C-alpha atoms as a PDB file:
ATOM      1  CA  MET A   1       6.912  68.065 100.409  1.00  0.00           C
ATOM      2  CA  VAL A   2       9.283  68.035  97.536  1.00  0.00           C
ATOM      3  CA  PHE A   3       7.835  69.186  94.095  1.00  0.00           C
ATOM      4  CA  LYS A   4       4.581  70.334  95.745  1.00  0.00           C
ATOM      5  CA  ARG A   5       3.189  73.528  94.531  1.00  0.00           C
ATOM      6  CA  ARG A   6       2.852  76.522  96.957  1.00  0.00           C
ATOM      7  CA  ASP A   7      -0.167  77.945  95.049  1.00  0.00           C
ATOM      8  CA  ARG A   8      -3.312  75.828  94.301  1.00  0.00           C
ATOM      9  CA  ARG A   9      -4.448  76.139  90.805  1.00  0.00           C
ATOM     10  CA  ALA A  10      -8.197  75.989  89.760  1.00  0.00           C
ATOM     11  CA  ILE A  11      -9.358  72.999  87.517  1.00  0.00           C
ATOM     12  CA  TRP A  12      -9.547  75.381  84.406  1.00  0.00           C
ATOM     13  CA  GLN A  13      -5.936  76.460  84.975  1.00  0.00           C
ATOM     14  CA  ILE A  14      -4.777  72.924  85.205  1.00  0.00           C
ATOM     15  CA  VAL A  15      -6.633  72.076  82.000  1.00  0.00           C
ATOM     16  CA  LEU A  16      -5.224  75.155  80.230  1.00  0.00           C
ATOM     17  CA  ASP A  17      -1.728  74.492  81.478  1.00  0.00           C
ATOM     18  CA  PHE A  18      -1.866  71.064  79.886  1.00  0.00           C
ATOM     19  CA  PHE A  19      -2.784  72.238  76.440  1.00  0.00           C
ATOM     20  CA  TYR A  20      -0.501  75.329  76.835  1.00  0.00           C
ATOM     21  CA  PRO A  21       1.818  75.742  79.775  1.00  0.00           C
ATOM     22  CA  ARG A  22       2.814  78.963  81.236  1.00  0.00           C
ATOM     23  CA  GLY A  23       5.739  80.560  79.200  1.00  0.00           C
ATOM     24  CA  GLY A  24       4.804  78.157  76.312  1.00  0.00           C
ATOM     25  CA  TRP A  25       5.950  74.669  75.215  1.00  0.00           C
ATOM     26  CA  THR A  26       9.640  75.882  74.688  1.00  0.00           C
ATOM     27  CA  ARG A  27       9.994  76.996  78.310  1.00  0.00           C
ATOM     28  CA  ALA A  28       8.310  73.693  79.479  1.00  0.00           C
ATOM     29  CA  PHE A  29      10.658  71.538  77.575  1.00  0.00           C
ATOM     30  CA  GLU A  30      13.660  73.566  78.690  1.00  0.00           C
ATOM     31  CA  TYR A  31      12.552  72.940  82.384  1.00  0.00           C
ATOM     32  CA  VAL A  32      11.941  69.301  81.779  1.00  0.00           C
ATOM     33  CA  LYS A  33      15.477  68.875  80.217  1.00  0.00           C
ATOM     34  CA  HIS A  34      17.052  71.001  83.033  1.00  0.00           C
ATOM     35  CA  ARG A  35      15.546  68.735  85.740  1.00  0.00           C
ATOM     36  CA  VAL A  36      16.506  65.475  83.935  1.00  0.00           C
ATOM     37  CA  ARG A  37      19.907  66.414  83.245  1.00  0.00           C
ATOM     38  CA  ARG A  38      20.608  67.393  86.962  1.00  0.00           C
ATOM     39  CA  LEU A  39      19.254  64.125  88.326  1.00  0.00           C
ATOM     40  CA  PRO A  40      21.953  62.470  90.709  1.00  0.00           C
ATOM     41  CA  ASP A  41      22.266  59.129  88.742  1.00  0.00           C
ATOM     42  CA  THR A  42      24.319  57.595  85.850  1.00  0.00           C
ATOM     43  CA  PRO A  43      23.637  58.663  82.406  1.00  0.00           C
ATOM     44  CA  GLN A  44      22.604  55.136  81.670  1.00  0.00           C
ATOM     45  CA  LYS A  45      20.063  54.893  84.432  1.00  0.00           C
ATOM     46  CA  ILE A  46      18.582  58.172  83.666  1.00  0.00           C
ATOM     47  CA  SER A  47      18.491  57.299  79.944  1.00  0.00           C
ATOM     48  CA  ARG A  48      16.667  54.050  80.704  1.00  0.00           C
ATOM     49  CA  GLY A  49      14.118  56.137  82.452  1.00  0.00           C
ATOM     50  CA  ILE A  50      13.711  58.402  79.529  1.00  0.00           C
ATOM     51  CA  TRP A  51      13.155  55.303  77.321  1.00  0.00           C
ATOM     52  CA  ALA A  52      10.236  54.010  79.518  1.00  0.00           C
ATOM     53  CA  GLY A  53       8.706  57.514  79.566  1.00  0.00           C
ATOM     54  CA  VAL A  54       8.878  58.026  75.905  1.00  0.00           C
ATOM     55  CA  PHE A  55       7.653  54.468  75.177  1.00  0.00           C
ATOM     56  CA  VAL A  56       4.364  54.809  77.074  1.00  0.00           C
ATOM     57  CA  CYS A  57       3.697  57.869  75.311  1.00  0.00           C
ATOM     58  CA  PHE A  58       2.779  55.588  72.308  1.00  0.00           C
ATOM     59  CA  THR A  59       0.133  53.690  74.247  1.00  0.00           C
ATOM     60  CA  PRO A  60      -3.530  54.620  74.566  1.00  0.00           C
ATOM     61  CA  LEU A  61      -3.397  54.229  78.415  1.00  0.00           C
ATOM     62  CA  PHE A  62      -4.087  57.917  78.947  1.00  0.00           C
ATOM     63  CA  GLY A  63      -4.185  58.839  82.664  1.00  0.00           C
ATOM     64  CA  LEU A  64      -2.040  55.921  83.368  1.00  0.00           C
ATOM     65  CA  HIS A  65       1.119  56.934  81.624  1.00  0.00           C
ATOM     66  CA  PHE A  66       2.833  57.925  85.091  1.00  0.00           C
ATOM     67  CA  VAL A  67       2.071  54.655  86.447  1.00  0.00           C
ATOM     68  CA  PHE A  68       3.273  52.556  83.482  1.00  0.00           C
ATOM     69  CA  ALA A  69       6.191  54.604  82.955  1.00  0.00           C
ATOM     70  CA  ALA A  70       7.425  54.102  86.628  1.00  0.00           C
ATOM     71  CA  ILE A  71       6.605  50.195  86.344  1.00  0.00           C
ATOM     72  CA  ILE A  72       8.820  49.976  83.193  1.00  0.00           C
ATOM     73  CA  ALA A  73      11.539  52.132  84.464  1.00  0.00           C
ATOM     74  CA  ARG A  74      11.739  50.091  87.707  1.00  0.00           C
ATOM     75  CA  ALA A  75      11.863  46.934  85.672  1.00  0.00           C
ATOM     76  CA  MET A  76      14.749  48.161  83.522  1.00  0.00           C
ATOM     77  CA  ARG A  77      16.528  49.501  86.630  1.00  0.00           C
ATOM     78  CA  GLY A  78      16.191  53.078  85.278  1.00  0.00           C
ATOM     79  CA  ASN A  79      15.506  56.324  86.992  1.00  0.00           C
ATOM     80  CA  ILE A  80      11.848  56.605  87.796  1.00  0.00           C
ATOM     81  CA  PHE A  81      12.000  60.303  88.115  1.00  0.00           C
ATOM     82  CA  ALA A  82      13.316  60.653  84.530  1.00  0.00           C
ATOM     83  CA  ALA A  83      10.604  58.230  83.388  1.00  0.00           C
ATOM     84  CA  LEU A  84       7.910  60.535  84.828  1.00  0.00           C
ATOM     85  CA  MET A  85       9.539  63.631  83.283  1.00  0.00           C
ATOM     86  CA  ALA A  86       9.871  61.843  79.915  1.00  0.00           C
ATOM     87  CA  THR A  87       6.078  61.249  79.660  1.00  0.00           C
ATOM     88  CA  PHE A  88       5.870  64.963  78.810  1.00  0.00           C
ATOM     89  CA  PHE A  89       7.005  63.771  75.354  1.00  0.00           C
ATOM     90  CA  GLY A  90       3.409  63.114  74.932  1.00  0.00           C
ATOM     91  CA  ASN A  91       1.556  66.335  74.939  1.00  0.00           C
ATOM     92  CA  PRO A  92      -1.234  68.053  72.893  1.00  0.00           C
ATOM     93  CA  LEU A  93       1.420  68.755  70.156  1.00  0.00           C
ATOM     94  CA  THR A  94       2.641  65.146  69.678  1.00  0.00           C
ATOM     95  CA  PHE A  95      -0.302  63.107  70.573  1.00  0.00           C
ATOM     96  CA  PRO A  96      -2.348  63.856  67.223  1.00  0.00           C
ATOM     97  CA  PRO A  97       0.507  62.398  65.018  1.00  0.00           C
ATOM     98  CA  ILE A  98       1.326  59.663  67.607  1.00  0.00           C
ATOM     99  CA  GLY A  99      -2.136  58.643  67.695  1.00  0.00           C
ATOM    100  CA  PHE A 100      -2.668  58.766  63.845  1.00  0.00           C
ATOM    101  CA  LEU A 101       0.440  56.790  63.236  1.00  0.00           C
ATOM    102  CA  SER A 102      -0.443  54.142  66.019  1.00  0.00           C
ATOM    103  CA  ILE A 103      -4.150  53.679  64.855  1.00  0.00           C
ATOM    104  CA  SER A 104      -3.111  53.448  61.355  1.00  0.00           C
ATOM    105  CA  LEU A 105      -0.484  51.088  61.739  1.00  0.00           C
ATOM    106  CA  GLY A 106      -2.365  49.079  64.090  1.00  0.00           C
ATOM    107  CA  SER A 107      -5.199  48.810  61.636  1.00  0.00           C
ATOM    108  CA  TRP A 108      -2.996  47.553  58.897  1.00  0.00           C
ATOM    109  CA  LEU A 109      -1.282  44.920  61.084  1.00  0.00           C
ATOM    110  CA  LEU A 110      -4.683  43.746  62.277  1.00  0.00           C
ATOM    111  CA  GLY A 111      -6.136  43.655  58.625  1.00  0.00           C
ATOM    112  CA  LEU A 112      -8.982  45.908  59.469  1.00  0.00           C
ATOM    113  CA  PRO A 113     -10.842  47.164  56.312  1.00  0.00           C
ATOM    114  CA  PRO A 114     -10.374  50.973  55.247  1.00  0.00           C
ATOM    115  CA  GLY A 115     -12.588  53.263  57.014  1.00  0.00           C
ATOM    116  CA  ARG A 116     -12.718  51.462  60.441  1.00  0.00           C
ATOM    117  CA  ASN A 117     -10.623  54.114  61.982  1.00  0.00           C
ATOM    118  CA  ASP A 118     -12.803  56.950  60.610  1.00  0.00           C
ATOM    119  CA  HIS A 119     -14.758  59.382  62.798  1.00  0.00           C
ATOM    120  CA  LEU A 120     -12.582  58.942  65.814  1.00  0.00           C
ATOM    121  CA  GLY A 121     -14.165  61.973  67.480  1.00  0.00           C
ATOM    122  CA  GLN A 122     -17.727  60.292  67.283  1.00  0.00           C
ATOM    123  CA  LYS A 123     -16.282  57.106  68.677  1.00  0.00           C
ATOM    124  CA  PHE A 124     -14.507  58.868  71.655  1.00  0.00           C
ATOM    125  CA  ALA A 125     -17.805  60.536  72.333  1.00  0.00           C
ATOM    126  CA  ASP A 126     -19.981  57.356  72.135  1.00  0.00           C
ATOM    127  CA  ALA A 127     -17.630  55.523  74.347  1.00  0.00           C
ATOM    128  CA  SER A 128     -17.650  58.421  76.913  1.00  0.00           C
ATOM    129  CA  TYR A 129     -21.497  58.574  76.777  1.00  0.00           C
ATOM    130  CA  ASP A 130     -21.704  54.806  77.373  1.00  0.00           C
ATOM    131  CA  LEU A 131     -19.294  54.848  80.180  1.00  0.00           C
ATOM    132  CA  TRP A 132     -21.101  57.573  81.892  1.00  0.00           C
ATOM    133  CA  ASN A 133     -24.534  56.008  81.107  1.00  0.00           C
ATOM    134  CA  ASN A 134     -23.608  52.770  82.342  1.00  0.00           C
ATOM    135  CA  VAL A 135     -22.400  54.320  85.762  1.00  0.00           C
ATOM    136  CA  ILE A 136     -25.743  56.046  86.102  1.00  0.00           C
ATOM    137  CA  ALA A 137     -27.553  52.768  85.054  1.00  0.00           C
ATOM    138  CA  VAL A 138     -26.223  51.040  88.219  1.00  0.00           C
ATOM    139  CA  PHE A 139     -28.334  53.237  90.313  1.00  0.00           C
ATOM    140  CA  THR A 140     -31.382  53.520  87.917  1.00  0.00           C
ATOM    141  CA  PRO A 141     -33.651  51.326  85.954  1.00  0.00           C
ATOM    142  CA  ASP A 142     -31.801  52.390  82.717  1.00  0.00           C
ATOM    143  CA  PRO A 143     -30.321  49.551  80.596  1.00  0.00           C
ATOM    144  CA  ILE A 144     -26.448  49.091  80.327  1.00  0.00           C
ATOM    145  CA  ASN A 145     -25.288  49.462  76.821  1.00  0.00           C
ATOM    146  CA  TRP A 146     -21.682  48.622  75.921  1.00  0.00           C
ATOM    147  CA  ARG A 147     -21.841  48.974  72.123  1.00  0.00           C
ATOM    148  CA  GLY A 148     -20.157  52.329  71.971  1.00  0.00           C
ATOM    149  CA  LEU A 149     -17.432  51.131  74.140  1.00  0.00           C
ATOM    150  CA  GLN A 150     -17.047  47.965  72.152  1.00  0.00           C
ATOM    151  CA  VAL A 151     -16.703  49.956  68.913  1.00  0.00           C
ATOM    152  CA  PHE A 152     -14.161  52.099  70.458  1.00  0.00           C
ATOM    153  CA  TYR A 153     -12.120  49.248  71.784  1.00  0.00           C
ATOM    154  CA  ASP A 154     -12.277  47.379  68.309  1.00  0.00           C
ATOM    155  CA  ASP A 155     -11.767  50.323  66.097  1.00  0.00           C
ATOM    156  CA  VAL A 156      -9.552  52.646  68.319  1.00  0.00           C
ATOM    157  CA  PHE A 157      -8.117  51.227  71.573  1.00  0.00           C
ATOM    158  CA  PHE A 158      -6.753  47.864  70.474  1.00  0.00           C
ATOM    159  CA  PRO A 159      -5.326  49.111  66.917  1.00  0.00           C
ATOM    160  CA  TYR A 160      -3.770  52.035  68.939  1.00  0.00           C
ATOM    161  CA  LEU A 161      -2.267  49.517  71.370  1.00  0.00           C
ATOM    162  CA  VAL A 162      -0.785  47.300  68.733  1.00  0.00           C
ATOM    163  CA  GLY A 163       0.283  49.922  66.288  1.00  0.00           C
ATOM    164  CA  GLY A 164       1.938  51.969  68.945  1.00  0.00           C
ATOM    165  CA  ILE A 165       4.509  49.292  69.869  1.00  0.00           C
ATOM    166  CA  LEU A 166       6.900  49.445  66.977  1.00  0.00           C
ATOM    167  CA  PRO A 167       7.156  53.165  66.671  1.00  0.00           C
ATOM    168  CA  GLY A 168       7.347  53.550  70.470  1.00  0.00           C
ATOM    169  CA  LEU A 169      10.145  51.202  70.499  1.00  0.00           C
ATOM    170  CA  ILE A 170      11.937  52.870  67.747  1.00  0.00           C
ATOM    171  CA  THR A 171      11.461  56.425  69.179  1.00  0.00           C
ATOM    172  CA  ALA A 172      12.299  55.430  72.752  1.00  0.00           C
ATOM    173  CA  THR A 173      15.483  53.613  71.689  1.00  0.00           C
ATOM    174  CA  ILE A 174      16.528  56.761  69.685  1.00  0.00           C
ATOM    175  CA  ALA A 175      15.820  58.911  72.643  1.00  0.00           C
ATOM    176  CA  TYR A 176      17.823  56.625  74.897  1.00  0.00           C
ATOM    177  CA  TYR A 177      20.987  56.630  72.528  1.00  0.00           C
ATOM    178  CA  LEU A 178      20.793  60.385  72.246  1.00  0.00           C
ATOM    179  CA  ALA A 179      20.387  61.010  75.824  1.00  0.00           C
ATOM    180  CA  VAL A 180      23.233  58.980  77.126  1.00  0.00           C
ATOM    181  CA  PRO A 181      26.148  61.068  75.561  1.00  0.00           C
ATOM    182  CA  VAL A 182      24.348  64.225  76.303  1.00  0.00           C
ATOM    183  CA  ILE A 183      23.686  63.603  79.967  1.00  0.00           C
ATOM    184  CA  GLY A 184      27.203  62.183  80.230  1.00  0.00           C
ATOM    185  CA  ALA A 185      28.817  65.421  78.807  1.00  0.00           C
ATOM    186  CA  TYR A 186      26.747  67.604  80.934  1.00  0.00           C
ATOM    187  CA  GLN A 187      27.601  65.764  84.133  1.00  0.00           C
ATOM    188  CA  THR A 188      31.244  65.909  83.172  1.00  0.00           C
ATOM    189  CA  ARG A 189      31.125  69.575  82.428  1.00  0.00           C
ATOM    190  CA  ARG A 190      29.103  70.308  85.588  1.00  0.00           C
ATOM    191  CA  LYS A 191      31.668  68.369  87.760  1.00  0.00           C
ATOM    192  CA  LYS A 192      34.553  70.342  86.164  1.00  0.00           C
ATOM    193  CA  ALA A 193      32.715  73.527  86.878  1.00  0.00           C
ATOM    194  CA  LEU A 194      32.073  72.383  90.444  1.00  0.00           C
ATOM    195  CA  LEU A 195      35.847  71.574  90.925  1.00  0.00           C
ATOM    196  CA  ALA A 196      37.058  74.842  89.565  1.00  0.00           C
ATOM    197  CA  LYS A 197      34.764  76.738  91.912  1.00  0.00           C
ATOM    198  CA  LEU A 198      36.217  74.603  94.866  1.00  0.00           C
ATOM    199  CA  ASP A 199      39.761  75.302  93.712  1.00  0.00           C
ATOM    200  CA  GLN A 200      38.938  79.100  93.594  1.00  0.00           C
ATOM    201  CA  LEU A 201      37.510  78.871  97.099  1.00  0.00           C
ATOM    202  CA  LYS A 202      40.607  77.070  98.390  1.00  0.00           C
ATOM    203  CA  LYS A 203      42.890  79.839  96.728  1.00  0.00           C
ATOM    204  CA  LYS A 204      40.790  82.621  98.393  1.00  0.00           C
ATOM    205  CA  THR A 205      40.937  80.944 101.806  1.00  0.00           C
ATOM    206  CA  SER A 206      44.581  80.092 101.669  1.00  0.00           C
ATOM    207  CA  PRO A 207      45.972  83.604 101.939  1.00  0.00           C
ATOM    208  CA  GLU A 208      43.543  84.543 104.733  1.00  0.00           C
ATOM    209  CA  GLN A 209      44.684  81.407 106.738  1.00  0.00           C
ATOM    210  CA  GLY A 210      48.427  82.317 106.089  1.00  0.00           C
ATOM    211  CA  SER A 211      47.984  85.856 107.331  1.00  0.00           C
ATOM    212  CA  GLY A 212      46.289  84.628 110.473  1.00  0.00           C
ATOM    213  CA  GLN A 213      49.323  82.327 111.486  1.00  0.00           C
END
């Protein structure tokens, strides 16, 4: 299969690579940039895919960014693979400022009182506990409790969802307008390089053909 790894990684390696890829984030960024620029599509379609991938990074739909990036890219007639690669804009280095900005802006837009978005770590932990406890409660006499998840939704998820729309739109649009000329210039330069190599091959083969006649 295309893009399938030959070596299987352990779970701890997958987690470690997510927070710090092999070779560092600079090498990972260069790899993504190289793959996106070499996609066989127009700069506009590739850039629309990049727009979709960057935009979903400003949503709290963690674990579903690939899915929604592909859906948005398809709706925009953008390159789906470019959208998937562009979701790497969201990573452990960018998610903290994205999350802080989105939750703060969303809380302000929704008119939530100051302090509602404090203790985020505890709210994440309470929501995770409730989710796991409620799954267990289906098979045991334990009561189902949604309070932690309700608090998480009201104070974190919904403000994050609302507050991430505007900065997501702005950042994705900037990425689009930066990507179009860069990808276009790269494709033009690459096409000229390929034509130059083809001309060199023709010049090398022409004398050989002439001597054989």
